[in-house]
PDB file of all heavy atoms in Angstrom:
ATOM      1  N   LEU A   1     226.739 152.973 170.671  1.00  0.00           N
ATOM      2  CA  LEU A   1     226.608 154.117 169.895  1.00  0.00           C
ATOM      3  C   LEU A   1     225.596 153.889 168.578  1.00  0.00           C
ATOM      4  O   LEU A   1     224.849 154.645 168.303  1.00  0.00           O
ATOM      5  CB  LEU A   1     228.002 154.734 169.356  1.00  0.00           C
ATOM      6  CG  LEU A   1     227.961 155.908 168.516  1.00  0.00           C
ATOM      7  CD1 LEU A   1     227.300 157.145 169.171  1.00  0.00           C
ATOM      8  CD2 LEU A   1     229.360 156.295 168.040  1.00  0.00           C
ATOM      9  N   SER A   2     225.919 152.660 167.985  1.00  0.00           N
ATOM     10  CA  SER A   2     224.992 152.282 166.868  1.00  0.00           C
ATOM     11  C   SER A   2     223.638 152.157 167.186  1.00  0.00           C
ATOM     12  O   SER A   2     222.750 152.580 166.663  1.00  0.00           O
ATOM     13  CB  SER A   2     225.650 151.120 166.288  1.00  0.00           C
ATOM     14  OG  SER A   2     226.893 151.262 165.680  1.00  0.00           O
ATOM     15  N   VAL A   3     223.426 151.401 168.384  1.00  0.00           N
ATOM     16  CA  VAL A   3     221.974 151.037 168.706  1.00  0.00           C
ATOM     17  C   VAL A   3     221.245 152.308 169.295  1.00  0.00           C
ATOM     18  O   VAL A   3     220.042 152.462 169.048  1.00  0.00           O
ATOM     19  CB  VAL A   3     221.941 149.929 169.748  1.00  0.00           C
ATOM     20  CG1 VAL A   3     222.454 148.578 169.105  1.00  0.00           C
ATOM     21  CG2 VAL A   3     222.557 150.205 171.101  1.00  0.00           C
ATOM     22  N   VAL A   4     221.913 153.210 169.830  1.00  0.00           N
ATOM     23  CA  VAL A   4     221.348 154.544 170.159  1.00  0.00           C
ATOM     24  C   VAL A   4     220.803 155.250 168.956  1.00  0.00           C
ATOM     25  O   VAL A   4     219.685 155.619 168.869  1.00  0.00           O
ATOM     26  CB  VAL A   4     222.357 155.439 170.933  1.00  0.00           C
ATOM     27  CG1 VAL A   4     221.880 156.807 170.938  1.00  0.00           C
ATOM     28  CG2 VAL A   4     222.477 154.920 172.325  1.00  0.00           C
ATOM     29  N   MET A   5     221.625 155.356 167.864  1.00  0.00           N
ATOM     30  CA  MET A   5     221.240 155.944 166.616  1.00  0.00           C
ATOM     31  C   MET A   5     220.082 155.038 165.968  1.00  0.00           C
ATOM     32  O   MET A   5     219.184 155.599 165.364  1.00  0.00           O
ATOM     33  CB  MET A   5     222.506 156.074 165.728  1.00  0.00           C
ATOM     34  CG  MET A   5     223.556 156.940 166.198  1.00  0.00           C
ATOM     35  SD  MET A   5     223.000 158.699 166.437  1.00  0.00           S
ATOM     36  CE  MET A   5     222.552 159.216 164.746  1.00  0.00           C
ATOM     37  N   VAL A   6     220.238 153.684 165.894  1.00  0.00           N
ATOM     38  CA  VAL A   6     219.291 153.015 165.227  1.00  0.00           C
ATOM     39  C   VAL A   6     217.950 153.109 165.848  1.00  0.00           C
ATOM     40  O   VAL A   6     216.878 153.279 165.279  1.00  0.00           O
ATOM     41  CB  VAL A   6     219.783 151.493 165.208  1.00  0.00           C
ATOM     42  CG1 VAL A   6     218.535 150.627 164.703  1.00  0.00           C
ATOM     43  CG2 VAL A   6     220.885 151.323 164.261  1.00  0.00           C
ATOM     44  N   ALA A   7     217.907 153.060 167.146  1.00  0.00           N
ATOM     45  CA  ALA A   7     216.630 153.138 167.834  1.00  0.00           C
ATOM     46  C   ALA A   7     216.053 154.529 167.719  1.00  0.00           C
ATOM     47  O   ALA A   7     214.815 154.700 167.404  1.00  0.00           O
ATOM     48  CB  ALA A   7     216.925 152.891 169.363  1.00  0.00           C
ATOM     49  N   MET A   8     216.876 155.613 167.793  1.00  0.00           N
ATOM     50  CA  MET A   8     216.256 156.922 167.571  1.00  0.00           C
ATOM     51  C   MET A   8     215.820 157.202 166.171  1.00  0.00           C
ATOM     52  O   MET A   8     214.739 157.703 165.982  1.00  0.00           O
ATOM     53  CB  MET A   8     217.409 157.988 167.957  1.00  0.00           C
ATOM     54  CG  MET A   8     216.954 159.490 167.813  1.00  0.00           C
ATOM     55  SD  MET A   8     217.307 160.142 166.183  1.00  0.00           S
ATOM     56  CE  MET A   8     219.049 160.162 166.225  1.00  0.00           C
ATOM     57  N   VAL A   9     216.662 156.831 165.204  1.00  0.00           N
ATOM     58  CA  VAL A   9     216.318 157.133 163.782  1.00  0.00           C
ATOM     59  C   VAL A   9     215.013 156.367 163.436  1.00  0.00           C
ATOM     60  O   VAL A   9     214.091 156.859 162.784  1.00  0.00           O
ATOM     61  CB  VAL A   9     217.419 156.553 162.798  1.00  0.00           C
ATOM     62  CG1 VAL A   9     217.083 156.607 161.411  1.00  0.00           C
ATOM     63  CG2 VAL A   9     218.638 157.595 163.038  1.00  0.00           C
ATOM     64  N   THR A  10     214.926 155.010 163.753  1.00  0.00           N
ATOM     65  CA  THR A  10     213.789 154.210 163.343  1.00  0.00           C
ATOM     66  C   THR A  10     212.476 154.747 164.116  1.00  0.00           C
ATOM     67  O   THR A  10     211.308 154.706 163.463  1.00  0.00           O
ATOM     68  CB  THR A  10     213.987 152.760 163.661  1.00  0.00           C
ATOM     69  OG1 THR A  10     214.390 152.636 165.027  1.00  0.00           O
ATOM     70  CG2 THR A  10     215.031 152.148 162.740  1.00  0.00           C
ATOM     71  N   PHE A  11     212.678 155.107 165.361  1.00  0.00           N
ATOM     72  CA  PHE A  11     211.421 155.474 166.102  1.00  0.00           C
ATOM     73  C   PHE A  11     210.953 156.919 165.533  1.00  0.00           C
ATOM     74  O   PHE A  11     209.654 157.071 165.239  1.00  0.00           O
ATOM     75  CB  PHE A  11     211.795 155.735 167.649  1.00  0.00           C
ATOM     76  CG  PHE A  11     210.656 156.188 168.460  1.00  0.00           C
ATOM     77  CD1 PHE A  11     209.781 155.004 168.873  1.00  0.00           C
ATOM     78  CD2 PHE A  11     210.396 157.379 168.930  1.00  0.00           C
ATOM     79  CE1 PHE A  11     208.707 155.467 169.619  1.00  0.00           C
ATOM     80  CE2 PHE A  11     209.277 157.748 169.692  1.00  0.00           C
ATOM     81  CZ  PHE A  11     208.443 156.760 170.014  1.00  0.00           C
ATOM     82  N   ILE A  12     211.813 157.964 165.307  1.00  0.00           N
ATOM     83  CA  ILE A  12     211.373 159.157 164.842  1.00  0.00           C
ATOM     84  C   ILE A  12     210.872 159.007 163.360  1.00  0.00           C
ATOM     85  O   ILE A  12     209.868 159.587 162.996  1.00  0.00           O
ATOM     86  CB  ILE A  12     212.582 160.142 164.803  1.00  0.00           C
ATOM     87  CG1 ILE A  12     213.099 160.461 166.265  1.00  0.00           C
ATOM     88  CG2 ILE A  12     212.151 161.414 164.143  1.00  0.00           C
ATOM     89  CD1 ILE A  12     212.183 161.073 167.171  1.00  0.00           C
ATOM     90  N   SER A  13     211.524 158.155 162.654  1.00  0.00           N
ATOM     91  CA  SER A  13     211.130 158.018 161.172  1.00  0.00           C
ATOM     92  C   SER A  13     209.777 157.366 161.134  1.00  0.00           C
ATOM     93  O   SER A  13     208.996 157.696 160.238  1.00  0.00           O
ATOM     94  CB  SER A  13     212.179 157.104 160.526  1.00  0.00           C
ATOM     95  OG  SER A  13     211.818 157.118 159.131  1.00  0.00           O
ATOM     96  N   THR A  14     209.576 156.421 161.962  1.00  0.00           N
ATOM     97  CA  THR A  14     208.214 155.784 162.034  1.00  0.00           C
ATOM     98  C   THR A  14     207.038 156.824 162.273  1.00  0.00           C
ATOM     99  O   THR A  14     205.986 156.892 161.518  1.00  0.00           O
ATOM    100  CB  THR A  14     208.044 154.700 163.122  1.00  0.00           C
ATOM    101  OG1 THR A  14     209.088 153.707 162.849  1.00  0.00           O
ATOM    102  CG2 THR A  14     206.687 154.106 163.213  1.00  0.00           C
ATOM    103  N   LEU A  15     207.245 157.691 163.287  1.00  0.00           N
ATOM    104  CA  LEU A  15     206.288 158.655 163.600  1.00  0.00           C
ATOM    105  C   LEU A  15     206.078 159.686 162.337  1.00  0.00           C
ATOM    106  O   LEU A  15     204.903 160.080 162.028  1.00  0.00           O
ATOM    107  CB  LEU A  15     206.688 159.516 164.791  1.00  0.00           C
ATOM    108  CG  LEU A  15     206.691 158.663 166.093  1.00  0.00           C
ATOM    109  CD1 LEU A  15     207.198 159.475 167.180  1.00  0.00           C
ATOM    110  CD2 LEU A  15     205.291 158.130 166.336  1.00  0.00           C
ATOM    111  N   ILE A  16     207.260 159.946 161.650  1.00  0.00           N
ATOM    112  CA  ILE A  16     207.213 160.801 160.516  1.00  0.00           C
ATOM    113  C   ILE A  16     206.479 160.137 159.429  1.00  0.00           C
ATOM    114  O   ILE A  16     205.656 160.810 158.719  1.00  0.00           O
ATOM    115  CB  ILE A  16     208.552 161.437 160.058  1.00  0.00           C
ATOM    116  CG1 ILE A  16     209.106 162.214 161.113  1.00  0.00           C
ATOM    117  CG2 ILE A  16     208.556 162.079 158.738  1.00  0.00           C
ATOM    118  CD1 ILE A  16     210.541 162.576 160.909  1.00  0.00           C
ATOM    119  N   HIS A  17     206.654 158.965 159.179  1.00  0.00           N
ATOM    120  CA  HIS A  17     205.936 158.197 158.169  1.00  0.00           C
ATOM    121  C   HIS A  17     204.444 158.162 158.447  1.00  0.00           C
ATOM    122  O   HIS A  17     203.664 158.392 157.559  1.00  0.00           O
ATOM    123  CB  HIS A  17     206.351 156.698 158.084  1.00  0.00           C
ATOM    124  CG  HIS A  17     207.640 156.479 157.261  1.00  0.00           C
ATOM    125  ND1 HIS A  17     208.901 156.832 157.574  1.00  0.00           N
ATOM    126  CD2 HIS A  17     207.684 155.782 156.116  1.00  0.00           C
ATOM    127  CE1 HIS A  17     209.705 156.549 156.640  1.00  0.00           C
ATOM    128  NE2 HIS A  17     209.035 155.941 155.654  1.00  0.00           N
ATOM    129  N   LEU A  18     203.981 157.995 159.786  1.00  0.00           N
ATOM    130  CA  LEU A  18     202.598 157.968 160.069  1.00  0.00           C
ATOM    131  C   LEU A  18     202.065 159.354 159.864  1.00  0.00           C
ATOM    132  O   LEU A  18     200.892 159.462 159.319  1.00  0.00           O
ATOM    133  CB  LEU A  18     202.519 157.524 161.549  1.00  0.00           C
ATOM    134  CG  LEU A  18     201.070 157.514 162.073  1.00  0.00           C
ATOM    135  CD1 LEU A  18     200.214 156.490 161.349  1.00  0.00           C
ATOM    136  CD2 LEU A  18     201.034 157.132 163.627  1.00  0.00           C
ATOM    137  N   TYR A  19     202.780 160.356 160.285  1.00  0.00           N
ATOM    138  CA  TYR A  19     202.204 161.743 159.992  1.00  0.00           C
ATOM    139  C   TYR A  19     201.986 162.053 158.543  1.00  0.00           C
ATOM    140  O   TYR A  19     201.197 162.744 158.112  1.00  0.00           O
ATOM    141  CB  TYR A  19     203.342 162.697 160.711  1.00  0.00           C
ATOM    142  CG  TYR A  19     203.073 164.331 160.557  1.00  0.00           C
ATOM    143  CD1 TYR A  19     202.445 164.921 161.442  1.00  0.00           C
ATOM    144  CD2 TYR A  19     203.541 164.870 159.423  1.00  0.00           C
ATOM    145  CE1 TYR A  19     202.213 166.244 161.418  1.00  0.00           C
ATOM    146  CE2 TYR A  19     203.343 166.177 159.252  1.00  0.00           C
ATOM    147  CZ  TYR A  19     202.689 166.883 160.236  1.00  0.00           C
ATOM    148  OH  TYR A  19     202.541 168.237 160.227  1.00  0.00           O
ATOM    149  N   SER A  20     202.973 161.519 157.796  1.00  0.00           N
ATOM    150  CA  SER A  20     202.985 161.810 156.345  1.00  0.00           C
ATOM    151  C   SER A  20     201.716 161.167 155.673  1.00  0.00           C
ATOM    152  O   SER A  20     201.368 161.649 154.617  1.00  0.00           O
ATOM    153  CB  SER A  20     204.270 161.174 155.577  1.00  0.00           C
ATOM    154  OG  SER A  20     205.348 161.873 156.152  1.00  0.00           O
ATOM    155  N   VAL A  21     201.118 160.170 156.231  1.00  0.00           N
ATOM    156  CA  VAL A  21     199.977 159.508 155.601  1.00  0.00           C
ATOM    157  C   VAL A  21     198.784 160.666 155.604  1.00  0.00           C
ATOM    158  O   VAL A  21     198.040 160.866 154.553  1.00  0.00           O
ATOM    159  CB  VAL A  21     199.409 158.363 156.464  1.00  0.00           C
ATOM    160  CG1 VAL A  21     197.995 157.891 155.971  1.00  0.00           C
ATOM    161  CG2 VAL A  21     200.466 157.207 156.444  1.00  0.00           C
ATOM    162  N   GLY A  22     198.730 161.475 156.617  1.00  0.00           N
ATOM    163  CA  GLY A  22     197.728 162.672 156.618  1.00  0.00           C
ATOM    164  C   GLY A  22     198.259 163.726 155.828  1.00  0.00           C
ATOM    165  O   GLY A  22     197.533 164.346 155.068  1.00  0.00           O
ATOM    166  N   TYR A  23     199.604 164.212 155.987  1.00  0.00           N
ATOM    167  CA  TYR A  23     200.080 165.313 155.403  1.00  0.00           C
ATOM    168  C   TYR A  23     200.081 165.327 153.882  1.00  0.00           C
ATOM    169  O   TYR A  23     199.884 166.240 153.146  1.00  0.00           O
ATOM    170  CB  TYR A  23     201.357 165.671 156.060  1.00  0.00           C
ATOM    171  CG  TYR A  23     201.881 167.046 155.680  1.00  0.00           C
ATOM    172  CD1 TYR A  23     201.575 168.116 156.606  1.00  0.00           C
ATOM    173  CD2 TYR A  23     202.754 167.284 154.565  1.00  0.00           C
ATOM    174  CE1 TYR A  23     202.109 169.434 156.262  1.00  0.00           C
ATOM    175  CE2 TYR A  23     203.210 168.475 154.242  1.00  0.00           C
ATOM    176  CZ  TYR A  23     202.883 169.581 155.035  1.00  0.00           C
ATOM    177  OH  TYR A  23     203.407 170.876 154.755  1.00  0.00           O
ATOM    178  N   MET A  24     200.422 164.083 153.430  1.00  0.00           N
ATOM    179  CA  MET A  24     200.511 163.922 151.845  1.00  0.00           C
ATOM    180  C   MET A  24     199.333 163.365 151.237  1.00  0.00           C
ATOM    181  O   MET A  24     199.314 162.800 150.164  1.00  0.00           O
ATOM    182  CB  MET A  24     201.785 163.111 151.627  1.00  0.00           C
ATOM    183  CG  MET A  24     202.965 163.638 152.295  1.00  0.00           C
ATOM    184  SD  MET A  24     203.650 165.198 151.500  1.00  0.00           S
ATOM    185  CE  MET A  24     204.015 164.606 149.871  1.00  0.00           C
ATOM    186  N   SER A  25     198.115 163.413 151.970  1.00  0.00           N
ATOM    187  CA  SER A  25     196.971 162.729 151.633  1.00  0.00           C
ATOM    188  C   SER A  25     196.405 163.250 150.238  1.00  0.00           C
ATOM    189  O   SER A  25     195.778 162.549 149.392  1.00  0.00           O
ATOM    190  CB  SER A  25     195.830 162.687 152.656  1.00  0.00           C
ATOM    191  OG  SER A  25     195.481 164.191 152.781  1.00  0.00           O
ATOM    192  N   HIS A  26     196.734 164.515 149.937  1.00  0.00           N
ATOM    193  CA  HIS A  26     196.317 165.219 148.615  1.00  0.00           C
ATOM    194  C   HIS A  26     197.360 165.241 147.604  1.00  0.00           C
ATOM    195  O   HIS A  26     197.075 165.800 146.614  1.00  0.00           O
ATOM    196  CB  HIS A  26     195.693 166.507 148.981  1.00  0.00           C
ATOM    197  CG  HIS A  26     194.564 166.606 149.954  1.00  0.00           C
ATOM    198  ND1 HIS A  26     193.415 165.937 149.639  1.00  0.00           N
ATOM    199  CD2 HIS A  26     194.514 167.103 151.211  1.00  0.00           C
ATOM    200  CE1 HIS A  26     192.623 166.035 150.725  1.00  0.00           C
ATOM    201  NE2 HIS A  26     193.229 166.821 151.635  1.00  0.00           N
ATOM    202  N   ASP A  27     198.549 164.580 147.831  1.00  0.00           N
ATOM    203  CA  ASP A  27     199.609 164.627 146.918  1.00  0.00           C
ATOM    204  C   ASP A  27     199.162 163.677 145.725  1.00  0.00           C
ATOM    205  O   ASP A  27     198.615 162.664 145.920  1.00  0.00           O
ATOM    206  CB  ASP A  27     200.876 164.302 147.598  1.00  0.00           C
ATOM    207  CG  ASP A  27     202.103 164.515 146.671  1.00  0.00           C
ATOM    208  OD1 ASP A  27     202.439 165.746 146.531  1.00  0.00           O
ATOM    209  OD2 ASP A  27     202.662 163.628 146.221  1.00  0.00           O
ATOM    210  N   ALA A  28     199.884 163.991 144.550  1.00  0.00           N
ATOM    211  CA  ALA A  28     199.621 163.201 143.358  1.00  0.00           C
ATOM    212  C   ALA A  28     200.258 161.933 143.354  1.00  0.00           C
ATOM    213  O   ALA A  28     199.856 160.975 142.924  1.00  0.00           O
ATOM    214  CB  ALA A  28     199.926 164.056 142.047  1.00  0.00           C
ATOM    215  N   THR A  29     201.527 161.937 143.918  1.00  0.00           N
ATOM    216  CA  THR A  29     202.385 160.659 143.860  1.00  0.00           C
ATOM    217  C   THR A  29     202.798 160.215 145.311  1.00  0.00           C
ATOM    218  O   THR A  29     204.130 160.265 145.569  1.00  0.00           O
ATOM    219  CB  THR A  29     203.512 160.847 142.957  1.00  0.00           C
ATOM    220  OG1 THR A  29     204.234 161.975 143.368  1.00  0.00           O
ATOM    221  CG2 THR A  29     203.062 161.067 141.621  1.00  0.00           C
ATOM    222  N   PRO A  30     201.885 159.951 146.253  1.00  0.00           N
ATOM    223  CA  PRO A  30     202.519 159.627 147.668  1.00  0.00           C
ATOM    224  C   PRO A  30     203.357 158.368 147.675  1.00  0.00           C
ATOM    225  O   PRO A  30     204.267 158.365 148.646  1.00  0.00           O
ATOM    226  CB  PRO A  30     201.127 159.431 148.483  1.00  0.00           C
ATOM    227  CG  PRO A  30     200.082 159.126 147.431  1.00  0.00           C
ATOM    228  CD  PRO A  30     200.476 159.786 146.101  1.00  0.00           C
ATOM    229  N   THR A  31     203.119 157.312 146.771  1.00  0.00           N
ATOM    230  CA  THR A  31     203.972 156.244 146.931  1.00  0.00           C
ATOM    231  C   THR A  31     205.355 156.409 146.631  1.00  0.00           C
ATOM    232  O   THR A  31     206.487 155.906 147.265  1.00  0.00           O
ATOM    233  CB  THR A  31     203.426 155.161 145.944  1.00  0.00           C
ATOM    234  OG1 THR A  31     203.419 155.707 144.679  1.00  0.00           O
ATOM    235  CG2 THR A  31     202.032 154.591 146.341  1.00  0.00           C
ATOM    236  N   ARG A  32     205.656 157.352 145.655  1.00  0.00           N
ATOM    237  CA  ARG A  32     207.058 157.823 145.484  1.00  0.00           C
ATOM    238  C   ARG A  32     207.634 158.510 146.631  1.00  0.00           C
ATOM    239  O   ARG A  32     208.746 158.282 146.937  1.00  0.00           O
ATOM    240  CB  ARG A  32     207.086 158.815 144.282  1.00  0.00           C
ATOM    241  CG  ARG A  32     208.504 159.264 143.776  1.00  0.00           C
ATOM    242  CD  ARG A  32     208.395 159.879 142.471  1.00  0.00           C
ATOM    243  NE  ARG A  32     207.519 161.062 142.456  1.00  0.00           N
ATOM    244  CZ  ARG A  32     207.979 162.345 142.576  1.00  0.00           C
ATOM    245  NH1 ARG A  32     209.203 162.501 143.008  1.00  0.00           N
ATOM    246  NH2 ARG A  32     207.080 163.388 142.568  1.00  0.00           N
ATOM    247  N   PHE A  33     206.830 159.325 147.308  1.00  0.00           N
ATOM    248  CA  PHE A  33     207.334 160.016 148.495  1.00  0.00           C
ATOM    249  C   PHE A  33     207.697 159.004 149.656  1.00  0.00           C
ATOM    250  O   PHE A  33     208.804 159.172 150.140  1.00  0.00           O
ATOM    251  CB  PHE A  33     206.320 160.997 148.985  1.00  0.00           C
ATOM    252  CG  PHE A  33     206.643 161.748 150.353  1.00  0.00           C
ATOM    253  CD1 PHE A  33     207.426 162.855 150.182  1.00  0.00           C
ATOM    254  CD2 PHE A  33     206.144 161.272 151.478  1.00  0.00           C
ATOM    255  CE1 PHE A  33     207.838 163.470 151.404  1.00  0.00           C
ATOM    256  CE2 PHE A  33     206.365 161.940 152.654  1.00  0.00           C
ATOM    257  CZ  PHE A  33     207.359 162.991 152.577  1.00  0.00           C
ATOM    258  N   PHE A  34     206.753 158.078 149.897  1.00  0.00           N
ATOM    259  CA  PHE A  34     207.156 157.121 150.980  1.00  0.00           C
ATOM    260  C   PHE A  34     208.336 156.205 150.493  1.00  0.00           C
ATOM    261  O   PHE A  34     209.001 155.794 151.380  1.00  0.00           O
ATOM    262  CB  PHE A  34     205.886 156.289 151.166  1.00  0.00           C
ATOM    263  CG  PHE A  34     204.827 157.080 152.063  1.00  0.00           C
ATOM    264  CD1 PHE A  34     204.004 157.880 151.612  1.00  0.00           C
ATOM    265  CD2 PHE A  34     204.794 156.684 153.419  1.00  0.00           C
ATOM    266  CE1 PHE A  34     203.087 158.456 152.406  1.00  0.00           C
ATOM    267  CE2 PHE A  34     203.990 157.306 154.298  1.00  0.00           C
ATOM    268  CZ  PHE A  34     203.140 158.268 153.820  1.00  0.00           C
ATOM    269  N   ALA A  35     208.464 155.944 149.271  1.00  0.00           N
ATOM    270  CA  ALA A  35     209.656 155.117 148.803  1.00  0.00           C
ATOM    271  C   ALA A  35     210.892 155.939 149.169  1.00  0.00           C
ATOM    272  O   ALA A  35     211.767 155.381 149.740  1.00  0.00           O
ATOM    273  CB  ALA A  35     209.520 154.745 147.353  1.00  0.00           C
TER     274      ALA A  35
END
């Protein structure tokens, strides 16, 4: 149960982080957002 959640959360979150590089490219404080 733990590893199913860990694998899913990290995989989805990685894709969202990558997507955010483009989506938040014009934001004033992107490092705060990524933190």
